[in-house]
mmCIF file of all heavy atoms, coordinates in Angstrom:
data_MODEL
# 
_entry.id   MODEL 
# 
loop_
_atom_site.group_PDB 
_atom_site.id 
_atom_site.type_symbol 
_atom_site.label_atom_id 
_atom_site.label_alt_id 
_atom_site.label_comp_id 
_atom_site.label_asym_id 
_atom_site.label_entity_id 
_atom_site.label_seq_id 
_atom_site.pdbx_PDB_ins_code 
_atom_site.Cartn_x 
_atom_site.Cartn_y 
_atom_site.Cartn_z 
_atom_site.occupancy 
_atom_site.B_iso_or_equiv 
_atom_site.pdbx_formal_charge 
_atom_site.auth_seq_id 
_atom_site.auth_comp_id 
_atom_site.auth_asym_id 
_atom_site.auth_atom_id 
_atom_site.pdbx_PDB_model_num 
ATOM 1   N N   . SER A 1 1  ? 89.105 55.769 -138.799 1.00 0.00 ? 1  SER A N   1 
ATOM 2   C CA  . SER A 1 1  ? 90.212 54.812 -138.659 1.00 0.00 ? 1  SER A CA  1 
ATOM 3   C C   . SER A 1 1  ? 90.318 53.956 -139.882 1.00 0.00 ? 1  SER A C   1 
ATOM 4   O O   . SER A 1 1  ? 89.313 53.621 -140.548 1.00 0.00 ? 1  SER A O   1 
ATOM 5   C CB  . SER A 1 1  ? 89.989 53.894 -137.467 1.00 0.00 ? 1  SER A CB  1 
ATOM 6   O OG  . SER A 1 1  ? 89.915 54.655 -136.300 1.00 0.00 ? 1  SER A OG  1 
ATOM 7   N N   . PRO A 1 2  ? 91.529 53.556 -140.307 1.00 0.00 ? 2  PRO A N   1 
ATOM 8   C CA  . PRO A 1 2  ? 91.670 52.659 -141.441 1.00 0.00 ? 2  PRO A CA  1 
ATOM 9   C C   . PRO A 1 2  ? 91.156 51.276 -141.080 1.00 0.00 ? 2  PRO A C   1 
ATOM 10  O O   . PRO A 1 2  ? 91.007 50.953 -139.909 1.00 0.00 ? 2  PRO A O   1 
ATOM 11  C CB  . PRO A 1 2  ? 93.215 52.614 -141.624 1.00 0.00 ? 2  PRO A CB  1 
ATOM 12  C CG  . PRO A 1 2  ? 93.810 52.920 -140.292 1.00 0.00 ? 2  PRO A CG  1 
ATOM 13  C CD  . PRO A 1 2  ? 92.835 53.901 -139.671 1.00 0.00 ? 2  PRO A CD  1 
ATOM 14  N N   . PRO A 1 3  ? 90.851 50.444 -142.101 1.00 0.00 ? 3  PRO A N   1 
ATOM 15  C CA  . PRO A 1 3  ? 90.303 49.126 -141.779 1.00 0.00 ? 3  PRO A CA  1 
ATOM 16  C C   . PRO A 1 3  ? 91.330 48.280 -140.946 1.00 0.00 ? 3  PRO A C   1 
ATOM 17  O O   . PRO A 1 3  ? 92.538 48.430 -141.111 1.00 0.00 ? 3  PRO A O   1 
ATOM 18  C CB  . PRO A 1 3  ? 90.207 48.477 -143.193 1.00 0.00 ? 3  PRO A CB  1 
ATOM 19  C CG  . PRO A 1 3  ? 90.108 49.647 -144.147 1.00 0.00 ? 3  PRO A CG  1 
ATOM 20  C CD  . PRO A 1 3  ? 90.944 50.751 -143.522 1.00 0.00 ? 3  PRO A CD  1 
ATOM 21  N N   . ALA A 1 4  ? 90.786 47.611 -139.936 1.00 0.00 ? 4  ALA A N   1 
ATOM 22  C CA  . ALA A 1 4  ? 91.644 46.830 -139.083 1.00 0.00 ? 4  ALA A CA  1 
ATOM 23  C C   . ALA A 1 4  ? 92.169 45.608 -139.855 1.00 0.00 ? 4  ALA A C   1 
ATOM 24  O O   . ALA A 1 4  ? 91.427 44.870 -140.491 1.00 0.00 ? 4  ALA A O   1 
ATOM 25  C CB  . ALA A 1 4  ? 90.861 46.354 -137.879 1.00 0.00 ? 4  ALA A CB  1 
ATOM 26  N N   . LYS A 1 5  ? 93.485 45.409 -139.811 1.00 0.00 ? 5  LYS A N   1 
ATOM 27  C CA  . LYS A 1 5  ? 94.110 44.358 -140.552 1.00 0.00 ? 5  LYS A CA  1 
ATOM 28  C C   . LYS A 1 5  ? 94.658 43.290 -139.573 1.00 0.00 ? 5  LYS A C   1 
ATOM 29  O O   . LYS A 1 5  ? 95.148 43.600 -138.498 1.00 0.00 ? 5  LYS A O   1 
ATOM 30  C CB  . LYS A 1 5  ? 95.274 44.872 -141.424 1.00 0.00 ? 5  LYS A CB  1 
ATOM 31  C CG  . LYS A 1 5  ? 94.764 45.788 -142.525 1.00 0.00 ? 5  LYS A CG  1 
ATOM 32  C CD  . LYS A 1 5  ? 95.966 46.252 -143.357 1.00 0.00 ? 5  LYS A CD  1 
ATOM 33  C CE  . LYS A 1 5  ? 95.487 47.184 -144.501 1.00 0.00 ? 5  LYS A CE  1 
ATOM 34  N NZ  . LYS A 1 5  ? 96.632 47.664 -145.304 1.00 0.00 ? 5  LYS A NZ  1 
ATOM 35  N N   . GLY A 1 6  ? 94.530 42.022 -139.970 1.00 0.00 ? 6  GLY A N   1 
ATOM 36  C CA  . GLY A 1 6  ? 95.126 40.958 -139.191 1.00 0.00 ? 6  GLY A CA  1 
ATOM 37  C C   . GLY A 1 6  ? 94.454 40.716 -137.876 1.00 0.00 ? 6  GLY A C   1 
ATOM 38  O O   . GLY A 1 6  ? 95.092 40.153 -136.967 1.00 0.00 ? 6  GLY A O   1 
ATOM 39  N N   . LEU A 1 7  ? 93.211 41.122 -137.711 1.00 0.00 ? 7  LEU A N   1 
ATOM 40  C CA  . LEU A 1 7  ? 92.497 40.959 -136.428 1.00 0.00 ? 7  LEU A CA  1 
ATOM 41  C C   . LEU A 1 7  ? 91.690 39.646 -136.409 1.00 0.00 ? 7  LEU A C   1 
ATOM 42  O O   . LEU A 1 7  ? 91.059 39.286 -137.389 1.00 0.00 ? 7  LEU A O   1 
ATOM 43  C CB  . LEU A 1 7  ? 91.553 42.157 -136.168 1.00 0.00 ? 7  LEU A CB  1 
ATOM 44  C CG  . LEU A 1 7  ? 92.149 43.418 -135.644 1.00 0.00 ? 7  LEU A CG  1 
ATOM 45  C CD1 . LEU A 1 7  ? 91.024 44.374 -135.368 1.00 0.00 ? 7  LEU A CD1 1 
ATOM 46  C CD2 . LEU A 1 7  ? 92.920 43.192 -134.331 1.00 0.00 ? 7  LEU A CD2 1 
ATOM 47  N N   . VAL A 1 8  ? 91.700 39.032 -135.236 1.00 0.00 ? 8  VAL A N   1 
ATOM 48  C CA  . VAL A 1 8  ? 90.815 37.909 -134.980 1.00 0.00 ? 8  VAL A CA  1 
ATOM 49  C C   . VAL A 1 8  ? 90.099 38.226 -133.694 1.00 0.00 ? 8  VAL A C   1 
ATOM 50  O O   . VAL A 1 8  ? 90.728 38.657 -132.670 1.00 0.00 ? 8  VAL A O   1 
ATOM 51  C CB  . VAL A 1 8  ? 91.625 36.585 -134.828 1.00 0.00 ? 8  VAL A CB  1 
ATOM 52  C CG1 . VAL A 1 8  ? 90.725 35.464 -134.439 1.00 0.00 ? 8  VAL A CG1 1 
ATOM 53  C CG2 . VAL A 1 8  ? 92.391 36.291 -136.117 1.00 0.00 ? 8  VAL A CG2 1 
ATOM 54  N N   . VAL A 1 9  ? 88.807 38.058 -133.633 1.00 0.00 ? 9  VAL A N   1 
ATOM 55  C CA  . VAL A 1 9  ? 88.007 38.337 -132.445 1.00 0.00 ? 9  VAL A CA  1 
ATOM 56  C C   . VAL A 1 9  ? 87.462 37.081 -131.892 1.00 0.00 ? 9  VAL A C   1 
ATOM 57  O O   . VAL A 1 9  ? 86.868 36.230 -132.583 1.00 0.00 ? 9  VAL A O   1 
ATOM 58  C CB  . VAL A 1 9  ? 86.856 39.333 -132.776 1.00 0.00 ? 9  VAL A CB  1 
ATOM 59  C CG1 . VAL A 1 9  ? 85.998 39.595 -131.537 1.00 0.00 ? 9  VAL A CG1 1 
ATOM 60  C CG2 . VAL A 1 9  ? 87.408 40.640 -133.311 1.00 0.00 ? 9  VAL A CG2 1 
ATOM 61  N N   . ARG A 1 10 ? 87.621 36.905 -130.556 1.00 0.00 ? 10 ARG A N   1 
ATOM 62  C CA  . ARG A 1 10 ? 87.168 35.668 -129.893 1.00 0.00 ? 10 ARG A CA  1 
ATOM 63  C C   . ARG A 1 10 ? 86.535 36.042 -128.556 1.00 0.00 ? 10 ARG A C   1 
ATOM 64  O O   . ARG A 1 10 ? 86.888 37.051 -127.934 1.00 0.00 ? 10 ARG A O   1 
ATOM 65  C CB  . ARG A 1 10 ? 88.356 34.735 -129.622 1.00 0.00 ? 10 ARG A CB  1 
ATOM 66  C CG  . ARG A 1 10 ? 89.063 34.212 -130.822 1.00 0.00 ? 10 ARG A CG  1 
ATOM 67  C CD  . ARG A 1 10 ? 88.195 33.148 -131.498 1.00 0.00 ? 10 ARG A CD  1 
ATOM 68  N NE  . ARG A 1 10 ? 88.882 32.541 -132.665 1.00 0.00 ? 10 ARG A NE  1 
ATOM 69  C CZ  . ARG A 1 10 ? 88.713 32.897 -133.919 1.00 0.00 ? 10 ARG A CZ  1 
ATOM 70  N NH1 . ARG A 1 10 ? 87.872 33.901 -134.207 1.00 0.00 ? 10 ARG A NH1 1 
ATOM 71  N NH2 . ARG A 1 10 ? 89.351 32.305 -134.897 1.00 0.00 ? 10 ARG A NH2 1 
ATOM 72  N N   . PRO A 1 11 ? 85.548 35.255 -128.084 1.00 0.00 ? 11 PRO A N   1 
ATOM 73  C CA  . PRO A 1 11 ? 84.954 35.540 -126.755 1.00 0.00 ? 11 PRO A CA  1 
ATOM 74  C C   . PRO A 1 11 ? 85.935 35.272 -125.626 1.00 0.00 ? 11 PRO A C   1 
ATOM 75  O O   . PRO A 1 11 ? 86.814 34.393 -125.761 1.00 0.00 ? 11 PRO A O   1 
ATOM 76  C CB  . PRO A 1 11 ? 83.751 34.569 -126.733 1.00 0.00 ? 11 PRO A CB  1 
ATOM 77  C CG  . PRO A 1 11 ? 84.134 33.451 -127.688 1.00 0.00 ? 11 PRO A CG  1 
ATOM 78  C CD  . PRO A 1 11 ? 84.939 34.089 -128.770 1.00 0.00 ? 11 PRO A CD  1 
ATOM 79  N N   . LEU A 1 12 ? 85.772 35.996 -124.537 1.00 0.00 ? 12 LEU A N   1 
ATOM 80  C CA  . LEU A 1 12 ? 86.535 35.711 -123.367 1.00 0.00 ? 12 LEU A CA  1 
ATOM 81  C C   . LEU A 1 12 ? 85.992 34.479 -122.619 1.00 0.00 ? 12 LEU A C   1 
ATOM 82  O O   . LEU A 1 12 ? 84.864 34.494 -122.184 1.00 0.00 ? 12 LEU A O   1 
ATOM 83  C CB  . LEU A 1 12 ? 86.526 36.953 -122.400 1.00 0.00 ? 12 LEU A CB  1 
ATOM 84  C CG  . LEU A 1 12 ? 87.196 36.773 -121.073 1.00 0.00 ? 12 LEU A CG  1 
ATOM 85  C CD1 . LEU A 1 12 ? 88.670 36.386 -121.219 1.00 0.00 ? 12 LEU A CD1 1 
ATOM 86  C CD2 . LEU A 1 12 ? 87.049 38.035 -120.245 1.00 0.00 ? 12 LEU A CD2 1 
ATOM 87  N N   . THR A 1 13 ? 86.833 33.487 -122.584 1.00 0.00 ? 13 THR A N   1 
ATOM 88  C CA  . THR A 1 13 ? 86.499 32.229 -121.949 1.00 0.00 ? 13 THR A CA  1 
ATOM 89  C C   . THR A 1 13 ? 87.530 31.905 -120.903 1.00 0.00 ? 13 THR A C   1 
ATOM 90  O O   . THR A 1 13 ? 88.592 32.581 -120.873 1.00 0.00 ? 13 THR A O   1 
ATOM 91  C CB  . THR A 1 13 ? 86.424 31.064 -122.991 1.00 0.00 ? 13 THR A CB  1 
ATOM 92  O OG1 . THR A 1 13 ? 87.682 30.977 -123.598 1.00 0.00 ? 13 THR A OG1 1 
ATOM 93  C CG2 . THR A 1 13 ? 85.340 31.322 -124.024 1.00 0.00 ? 13 THR A CG2 1 
ATOM 94  N N   . PRO A 1 14 ? 87.296 30.894 -120.018 1.00 0.00 ? 14 PRO A N   1 
ATOM 95  C CA  . PRO A 1 14 ? 88.323 30.617 -119.012 1.00 0.00 ? 14 PRO A CA  1 
ATOM 96  C C   . PRO A 1 14 ? 89.728 30.376 -119.599 1.00 0.00 ? 14 PRO A C   1 
ATOM 97  O O   . PRO A 1 14 ? 90.735 30.798 -119.015 1.00 0.00 ? 14 PRO A O   1 
ATOM 98  C CB  . PRO A 1 14 ? 87.757 29.394 -118.316 1.00 0.00 ? 14 PRO A CB  1 
ATOM 99  C CG  . PRO A 1 14 ? 86.254 29.539 -118.419 1.00 0.00 ? 14 PRO A CG  1 
ATOM 100 C CD  . PRO A 1 14 ? 86.054 30.147 -119.801 1.00 0.00 ? 14 PRO A CD  1 
ATOM 101 N N   . SER A 1 15 ? 89.783 29.702 -120.734 1.00 0.00 ? 15 SER A N   1 
ATOM 102 C CA  . SER A 1 15 ? 91.095 29.431 -121.322 1.00 0.00 ? 15 SER A CA  1 
ATOM 103 C C   . SER A 1 15 ? 91.806 30.673 -121.807 1.00 0.00 ? 15 SER A C   1 
ATOM 104 O O   . SER A 1 15 ? 93.046 30.712 -121.931 1.00 0.00 ? 15 SER A O   1 
ATOM 105 C CB  . SER A 1 15 ? 90.986 28.414 -122.427 1.00 0.00 ? 15 SER A CB  1 
ATOM 106 O OG  . SER A 1 15 ? 90.255 28.957 -123.496 1.00 0.00 ? 15 SER A OG  1 
ATOM 107 N N   . ARG A 1 16 ? 91.057 31.728 -122.047 1.00 0.00 ? 16 ARG A N   1 
ATOM 108 C CA  . ARG A 1 16 ? 91.650 32.996 -122.518 1.00 0.00 ? 16 ARG A CA  1 
ATOM 109 C C   . ARG A 1 16 ? 91.799 34.014 -121.428 1.00 0.00 ? 16 ARG A C   1 
ATOM 110 O O   . ARG A 1 16 ? 92.210 35.134 -121.709 1.00 0.00 ? 16 ARG A O   1 
ATOM 111 C CB  . ARG A 1 16 ? 90.727 33.597 -123.649 1.00 0.00 ? 16 ARG A CB  1 
ATOM 112 C CG  . ARG A 1 16 ? 90.679 32.668 -124.898 1.00 0.00 ? 16 ARG A CG  1 
ATOM 113 C CD  . ARG A 1 16 ? 89.986 33.332 -126.052 1.00 0.00 ? 16 ARG A CD  1 
ATOM 114 N NE  . ARG A 1 16 ? 89.922 32.436 -127.234 1.00 0.00 ? 16 ARG A NE  1 
ATOM 115 C CZ  . ARG A 1 16 ? 88.825 31.775 -127.580 1.00 0.00 ? 16 ARG A CZ  1 
ATOM 116 N NH1 . ARG A 1 16 ? 87.659 31.976 -126.948 1.00 0.00 ? 16 ARG A NH1 1 
ATOM 117 N NH2 . ARG A 1 16 ? 88.847 30.955 -128.626 1.00 0.00 ? 16 ARG A NH2 1 
ATOM 118 N N   . TRP A 1 17 ? 91.492 33.642 -120.208 1.00 0.00 ? 17 TRP A N   1 
ATOM 119 C CA  . TRP A 1 17 ? 91.653 34.598 -119.108 1.00 0.00 ? 17 TRP A CA  1 
ATOM 120 C C   . TRP A 1 17 ? 93.083 35.148 -119.002 1.00 0.00 ? 17 TRP A C   1 
ATOM 121 O O   . TRP A 1 17 ? 93.258 36.351 -118.821 1.00 0.00 ? 17 TRP A O   1 
ATOM 122 C CB  . TRP A 1 17 ? 91.268 33.946 -117.760 1.00 0.00 ? 17 TRP A CB  1 
ATOM 123 C CG  . TRP A 1 17 ? 91.638 34.882 -116.616 1.00 0.00 ? 17 TRP A CG  1 
ATOM 124 C CD1 . TRP A 1 17 ? 92.716 34.810 -115.788 1.00 0.00 ? 17 TRP A CD1 1 
ATOM 125 C CD2 . TRP A 1 17 ? 90.896 36.004 -116.181 1.00 0.00 ? 17 TRP A CD2 1 
ATOM 126 N NE1 . TRP A 1 17 ? 92.708 35.808 -114.868 1.00 0.00 ? 17 TRP A NE1 1 
ATOM 127 C CE2 . TRP A 1 17 ? 91.596 36.597 -115.108 1.00 0.00 ? 17 TRP A CE2 1 
ATOM 128 C CE3 . TRP A 1 17 ? 89.718 36.637 -116.631 1.00 0.00 ? 17 TRP A CE3 1 
ATOM 129 C CZ2 . TRP A 1 17 ? 91.154 37.767 -114.441 1.00 0.00 ? 17 TRP A CZ2 1 
ATOM 130 C CZ3 . TRP A 1 17 ? 89.296 37.806 -115.968 1.00 0.00 ? 17 TRP A CZ3 1 
ATOM 131 C CH2 . TRP A 1 17 ? 90.000 38.350 -114.891 1.00 0.00 ? 17 TRP A CH2 1 
ATOM 132 N N   . PRO A 1 18 ? 94.161 34.338 -119.122 1.00 0.00 ? 18 PRO A N   1 
ATOM 133 C CA  . PRO A 1 18 ? 95.501 34.916 -119.073 1.00 0.00 ? 18 PRO A CA  1 
ATOM 134 C C   . PRO A 1 18 ? 95.724 36.028 -120.115 1.00 0.00 ? 18 PRO A C   1 
ATOM 135 O O   . PRO A 1 18 ? 96.464 36.979 -119.869 1.00 0.00 ? 18 PRO A O   1 
ATOM 136 C CB  . PRO A 1 18 ? 96.381 33.711 -119.303 1.00 0.00 ? 18 PRO A CB  1 
ATOM 137 C CG  . PRO A 1 18 ? 95.582 32.542 -118.866 1.00 0.00 ? 18 PRO A CG  1 
ATOM 138 C CD  . PRO A 1 18 ? 94.152 32.879 -119.277 1.00 0.00 ? 18 PRO A CD  1 
ATOM 139 N N   . HIS A 1 19 ? 95.111 35.857 -121.305 1.00 0.00 ? 19 HIS A N   1 
ATOM 140 C CA  . HIS A 1 19 ? 95.287 36.912 -122.330 1.00 0.00 ? 19 HIS A CA  1 
ATOM 141 C C   . HIS A 1 19 ? 94.603 38.220 -121.883 1.00 0.00 ? 19 HIS A C   1 
ATOM 142 O O   . HIS A 1 19 ? 95.154 39.313 -122.087 1.00 0.00 ? 19 HIS A O   1 
ATOM 143 C CB  . HIS A 1 19 ? 94.638 36.451 -123.655 1.00 0.00 ? 19 HIS A CB  1 
ATOM 144 C CG  . HIS A 1 19 ? 95.064 35.078 -124.082 1.00 0.00 ? 19 HIS A CG  1 
ATOM 145 N ND1 . HIS A 1 19 ? 94.395 34.321 -125.013 1.00 0.00 ? 19 HIS A ND1 1 
ATOM 146 C CD2 . HIS A 1 19 ? 96.105 34.292 -123.664 1.00 0.00 ? 19 HIS A CD2 1 
ATOM 147 C CE1 . HIS A 1 19 ? 94.986 33.179 -125.179 1.00 0.00 ? 19 HIS A CE1 1 
ATOM 148 N NE2 . HIS A 1 19 ? 96.055 33.126 -124.368 1.00 0.00 ? 19 HIS A NE2 1 
ATOM 149 N N   . PHE A 1 20 ? 93.417 38.117 -121.308 1.00 0.00 ? 20 PHE A N   1 
ATOM 150 C CA  . PHE A 1 20 ? 92.671 39.268 -120.824 1.00 0.00 ? 20 PHE A CA  1 
ATOM 151 C C   . PHE A 1 20 ? 93.450 39.939 -119.720 1.00 0.00 ? 20 PHE A C   1 
ATOM 152 O O   . PHE A 1 20 ? 93.638 41.156 -119.650 1.00 0.00 ? 20 PHE A O   1 
ATOM 153 C CB  . PHE A 1 20 ? 91.291 38.815 -120.322 1.00 0.00 ? 20 PHE A CB  1 
ATOM 154 C CG  . PHE A 1 20 ? 90.492 39.898 -119.743 1.00 0.00 ? 20 PHE A CG  1 
ATOM 155 C CD1 . PHE A 1 20 ? 89.813 40.799 -120.478 1.00 0.00 ? 20 PHE A CD1 1 
ATOM 156 C CD2 . PHE A 1 20 ? 90.304 39.934 -118.339 1.00 0.00 ? 20 PHE A CD2 1 
ATOM 157 C CE1 . PHE A 1 20 ? 89.034 41.838 -119.916 1.00 0.00 ? 20 PHE A CE1 1 
ATOM 158 C CE2 . PHE A 1 20 ? 89.492 40.931 -117.750 1.00 0.00 ? 20 PHE A CE2 1 
ATOM 159 C CZ  . PHE A 1 20 ? 88.854 41.877 -118.544 1.00 0.00 ? 20 PHE A CZ  1 
ATOM 160 N N   . GLU A 1 21 ? 94.005 39.137 -118.790 1.00 0.00 ? 21 GLU A N   1 
ATOM 161 C CA  . GLU A 1 21 ? 94.785 39.656 -117.627 1.00 0.00 ? 21 GLU A CA  1 
ATOM 162 C C   . GLU A 1 21 ? 96.008 40.411 -118.089 1.00 0.00 ? 21 GLU A C   1 
ATOM 163 O O   . GLU A 1 21 ? 96.350 41.443 -117.554 1.00 0.00 ? 21 GLU A O   1 
ATOM 164 C CB  . GLU A 1 21 ? 95.117 38.539 -116.690 1.00 0.00 ? 21 GLU A CB  1 
ATOM 165 C CG  . GLU A 1 21 ? 95.557 38.972 -115.346 1.00 0.00 ? 21 GLU A CG  1 
ATOM 166 C CD  . GLU A 1 21 ? 95.644 37.804 -114.345 1.00 0.00 ? 21 GLU A CD  1 
ATOM 167 O OE1 . GLU A 1 21 ? 95.783 36.630 -114.805 1.00 0.00 ? 21 GLU A OE1 1 
ATOM 168 O OE2 . GLU A 1 21 ? 95.574 38.073 -113.169 1.00 0.00 ? 21 GLU A OE2 1 
ATOM 169 N N   . THR A 1 22 ? 96.635 39.853 -119.119 1.00 0.00 ? 22 THR A N   1 
ATOM 170 C CA  . THR A 1 22 ? 97.861 40.524 -119.635 1.00 0.00 ? 22 THR A CA  1 
ATOM 171 C C   . THR A 1 22 ? 97.455 41.838 -120.322 1.00 0.00 ? 22 THR A C   1 
ATOM 172 O O   . THR A 1 22 ? 98.141 42.838 -120.160 1.00 0.00 ? 22 THR A O   1 
ATOM 173 C CB  . THR A 1 22 ? 98.570 39.628 -120.662 1.00 0.00 ? 22 THR A CB  1 
ATOM 174 O OG1 . THR A 1 22 ? 99.010 38.425 -119.995 1.00 0.00 ? 22 THR A OG1 1 
ATOM 175 C CG2 . THR A 1 22 ? 99.767 40.328 -121.294 1.00 0.00 ? 22 THR A CG2 1 
ATOM 176 N N   . LEU A 1 23 ? 96.385 41.836 -121.102 1.00 0.00 ? 23 LEU A N   1 
ATOM 177 C CA  . LEU A 1 23 ? 95.916 43.045 -121.783 1.00 0.00 ? 23 LEU A CA  1 
ATOM 178 C C   . LEU A 1 23 ? 95.610 44.156 -120.766 1.00 0.00 ? 23 LEU A C   1 
ATOM 179 O O   . LEU A 1 23 ? 95.987 45.311 -120.951 1.00 0.00 ? 23 LEU A O   1 
ATOM 180 C CB  . LEU A 1 23 ? 94.689 42.752 -122.634 1.00 0.00 ? 23 LEU A CB  1 
ATOM 181 C CG  . LEU A 1 23 ? 93.990 43.917 -123.259 1.00 0.00 ? 23 LEU A CG  1 
ATOM 182 C CD1 . LEU A 1 23 ? 94.898 44.616 -124.254 1.00 0.00 ? 23 LEU A CD1 1 
ATOM 183 C CD2 . LEU A 1 23 ? 92.692 43.482 -123.929 1.00 0.00 ? 23 LEU A CD2 1 
ATOM 184 N N   . PHE A 1 24 ? 94.893 43.859 -119.690 1.00 0.00 ? 24 PHE A N   1 
ATOM 185 C CA  . PHE A 1 24 ? 94.505 44.850 -118.717 1.00 0.00 ? 24 PHE A CA  1 
ATOM 186 C C   . PHE A 1 24 ? 95.645 45.291 -117.798 1.00 0.00 ? 24 PHE A C   1 
ATOM 187 O O   . PHE A 1 24 ? 95.640 46.394 -117.314 1.00 0.00 ? 24 PHE A O   1 
ATOM 188 C CB  . PHE A 1 24 ? 93.328 44.301 -117.906 1.00 0.00 ? 24 PHE A CB  1 
ATOM 189 C CG  . PHE A 1 24 ? 91.991 44.648 -118.546 1.00 0.00 ? 24 PHE A CG  1 
ATOM 190 C CD1 . PHE A 1 24 ? 91.782 44.536 -119.875 1.00 0.00 ? 24 PHE A CD1 1 
ATOM 191 C CD2 . PHE A 1 24 ? 90.943 45.036 -117.721 1.00 0.00 ? 24 PHE A CD2 1 
ATOM 192 C CE1 . PHE A 1 24 ? 90.574 44.842 -120.477 1.00 0.00 ? 24 PHE A CE1 1 
ATOM 193 C CE2 . PHE A 1 24 ? 89.708 45.367 -118.271 1.00 0.00 ? 24 PHE A CE2 1 
ATOM 194 C CZ  . PHE A 1 24 ? 89.515 45.259 -119.678 1.00 0.00 ? 24 PHE A CZ  1 
ATOM 195 N N   . GLY A 1 25 ? 96.615 44.402 -117.553 1.00 0.00 ? 25 GLY A N   1 
ATOM 196 C CA  . GLY A 1 25 ? 97.767 44.767 -116.777 1.00 0.00 ? 25 GLY A CA  1 
ATOM 197 C C   . GLY A 1 25 ? 97.445 45.018 -115.295 1.00 0.00 ? 25 GLY A C   1 
ATOM 198 O O   . GLY A 1 25 ? 96.346 44.791 -114.861 1.00 0.00 ? 25 GLY A O   1 
# 
């Protein structure tokens, strides 16, 4: 795979739960 561009990695925390829920669908 080519190098990943524009990525930011963050731990899943309670404030990020909606992002996780949207990703998983």
